[in-house]
C-alpha atoms as a PDB file:
ATOM      1  CA  MET A   1      -9.128  -8.117 -12.581  1.00  0.00           C
ATOM      2  CA  LYS A   2      -6.247  -9.324 -11.440  1.00  0.00           C
ATOM      3  CA  LYS A   3      -4.051  -6.133 -10.162  1.00  0.00           C
ATOM      4  CA  ARG A   4      -0.168  -5.809 -11.385  1.00  0.00           C
ATOM      5  CA  PHE A   5       2.604  -3.661  -9.768  1.00  0.00           C
ATOM      6  CA  LYS A   6       6.043  -2.332 -10.751  1.00  0.00           C
ATOM      7  CA  TRP A   7       8.597  -3.419  -8.748  1.00  0.00           C
ATOM      8  CA  ILE A   8      12.400  -2.088  -8.801  1.00  0.00           C
ATOM      9  CA  LYS A   9      15.064  -1.901  -6.959  1.00  0.00           C
ATOM     10  CA  TRP A  10      14.634   1.377  -5.579  1.00  0.00           C
ATOM     11  CA  ASN A  11      10.964   0.408  -4.177  1.00  0.00           C
ATOM     12  CA  ILE A  12      11.941  -2.806  -3.064  1.00  0.00           C
ATOM     13  CA  GLU A  13      14.462  -1.261  -0.749  1.00  0.00           C
ATOM     14  CA  HIS A  14      12.354   1.489   0.267  1.00  0.00           C
ATOM     15  CA  ILE A  15       9.324  -0.586   1.594  1.00  0.00           C
ATOM     16  CA  ALA A  16      11.468  -3.207   3.556  1.00  0.00           C
ATOM     17  CA  LYS A  17      13.402  -0.235   5.454  1.00  0.00           C
ATOM     18  CA  HIS A  18       9.971   0.065   7.010  1.00  0.00           C
ATOM     19  CA  GLY A  19       9.574  -3.992   7.743  1.00  0.00           C
ATOM     20  CA  VAL A  20       7.537  -4.670   4.548  1.00  0.00           C
ATOM     21  CA  SER A  21       7.676  -6.909   1.241  1.00  0.00           C
ATOM     22  CA  THR A  22       6.160  -6.595  -2.001  1.00  0.00           C
ATOM     23  CA  LYS A  23       3.919  -9.771  -1.082  1.00  0.00           C
ATOM     24  CA  GLU A  24       2.482  -7.804   1.791  1.00  0.00           C
ATOM     25  CA  ALA A  25       2.506  -4.665   0.041  1.00  0.00           C
ATOM     26  CA  GLU A  26      -0.027  -6.008  -2.756  1.00  0.00           C
ATOM     27  CA  SER A  27      -1.931  -8.175  -0.252  1.00  0.00           C
ATOM     28  CA  ALA A  28      -3.520  -4.883   1.518  1.00  0.00           C
ATOM     29  CA  PHE A  29      -4.895  -3.851  -1.542  1.00  0.00           C
ATOM     30  CA  LYS A  30      -7.151  -6.765  -0.950  1.00  0.00           C
ATOM     31  CA  SER A  31      -8.280  -5.663   1.700  1.00  0.00           C
ATOM     32  CA  PRO A  32      -8.756  -2.024   1.943  1.00  0.00           C
ATOM     33  CA  ALA A  33     -10.199  -0.192   5.112  1.00  0.00           C
ATOM     34  CA  PRO A  34     -13.349   1.936   4.145  1.00  0.00           C
ATOM     35  CA  GLY A  35     -13.454   4.960   2.110  1.00  0.00           C
ATOM     36  CA  TYR A  36      -9.892   4.050   0.389  1.00  0.00           C
ATOM     37  CA  PRO A  37      -7.733   4.294  -1.410  1.00  0.00           C
ATOM     38  CA  ARG A  38      -8.171   7.907  -1.774  1.00  0.00           C
ATOM     39  CA  ARG A  39      -6.577  10.692  -3.847  1.00  0.00           C
ATOM     40  CA  HIS A  40      -3.440  12.108  -2.505  1.00  0.00           C
ATOM     41  CA  GLY A  41      -1.545  14.861  -4.050  1.00  0.00           C
ATOM     42  CA  ASP A  42      -0.511  13.123  -7.718  1.00  0.00           C
ATOM     43  CA  GLY A  43      -0.898   9.776  -5.976  1.00  0.00           C
ATOM     44  CA  TYR A  44      -3.044   7.869  -3.777  1.00  0.00           C
ATOM     45  CA  ILE A  45      -3.271   6.231  -0.567  1.00  0.00           C
ATOM     46  CA  LEU A  46      -4.130   3.398   0.506  1.00  0.00           C
ATOM     47  CA  TRP A  47      -4.934   1.360   4.202  1.00  0.00           C
ATOM     48  CA  GLY A  48      -5.532  -1.735   3.605  1.00  0.00           C
ATOM     49  CA  LYS A  49      -4.705  -5.003   6.094  1.00  0.00           C
ATOM     50  CA  SER A  50      -2.484  -7.379   4.466  1.00  0.00           C
ATOM     51  CA  TYR A  51      -1.906 -11.243   4.456  1.00  0.00           C
ATOM     52  CA  LEU A  52      -0.825 -11.096   8.261  1.00  0.00           C
ATOM     53  CA  ALA A  53      -3.080  -9.200   9.424  1.00  0.00           C
ATOM     54  CA  ARG A  54      -0.944  -6.123   9.748  1.00  0.00           C
ATOM     55  CA  TRP A  55      -2.991  -2.309   8.934  1.00  0.00           C
ATOM     56  CA  LEU A  56      -0.461  -0.869   6.240  1.00  0.00           C
ATOM     57  CA  GLN A  57      -0.671   2.763   4.385  1.00  0.00           C
ATOM     58  CA  ILE A  58       0.709   2.471   0.584  1.00  0.00           C
ATOM     59  CA  GLY A  59       1.126   5.432  -1.157  1.00  0.00           C
ATOM     60  CA  PHE A  60       0.711   4.790  -4.887  1.00  0.00           C
ATOM     61  CA  HIS A  61       0.599   5.626  -8.003  1.00  0.00           C
ATOM     62  CA  ARG A  62      -1.013   4.340 -11.536  1.00  0.00           C
ATOM     63  CA  GLU A  63       1.637   3.967 -13.739  1.00  0.00           C
ATOM     64  CA  ALA A  64       1.094   4.665 -18.306  1.00  0.00           C
ATOM     65  CA  ASP A  65       0.198   1.075 -19.178  1.00  0.00           C
ATOM     66  CA  ASP A  66      -2.026   0.765 -15.179  1.00  0.00           C
ATOM     67  CA  ARG A  67       0.558  -1.266 -13.379  1.00  0.00           C
ATOM     68  CA  ILE A  68       0.576   0.022  -9.650  1.00  0.00           C
ATOM     69  CA  PHE A  69       3.426   1.685  -8.245  1.00  0.00           C
ATOM     70  CA  ILE A  70       4.211   1.895  -4.883  1.00  0.00           C
ATOM     71  CA  PHE A  71       6.386   4.256  -4.055  1.00  0.00           C
ATOM     72  CA  HIS A  72       5.640   3.903   0.163  1.00  0.00           C
ATOM     73  CA  ALA A  73       4.542   1.075   2.610  1.00  0.00           C
ATOM     74  CA  ARG A  74       4.491   0.918   6.639  1.00  0.00           C
ATOM     75  CA  PRO A  75       2.301  -0.543   9.192  1.00  0.00           C
ATOM     76  CA  LEU A  76      -0.624   1.993  10.347  1.00  0.00           C
ATOM     77  CA  THR A  77       0.071   3.207  13.735  1.00  0.00           C
ATOM     78  CA  LYS A  78      -2.267   2.877  17.111  1.00  0.00           C
ATOM     79  CA  ASN A  79      -4.100   5.752  16.766  1.00  0.00           C
ATOM     80  CA  GLU A  80      -4.918   5.522  12.549  1.00  0.00           C
ATOM     81  CA  ARG A  81      -5.328   1.851  13.195  1.00  0.00           C
ATOM     82  CA  ARG A  82      -8.315   3.465  15.543  1.00  0.00           C
ATOM     83  CA  GLN A  83      -9.911   5.434  13.056  1.00  0.00           C
ATOM     84  CA  ILE A  84     -10.515   2.594  11.081  1.00  0.00           C
ATOM     85  CA  ARG A  85     -13.434   1.365  13.515  1.00  0.00           C
END
């Protein structure tokens, strides 16, 4: 089943501040690191490899209609990438 995402001006602009596009953030869900997504507070954290071959950290929650609302996305740090290996 294809994942559906909820994009609004706020989350599009917020992830863009970290150099991540909506397309790249969505693509990270196709290649998650082992053990991800993980529950984190009221939402989830996902480490995933994007179509640009960058490892991203994605913060998200599921909407009532099952769409994914991404509220945070940034490239992983060098130290975080080492943890995947």
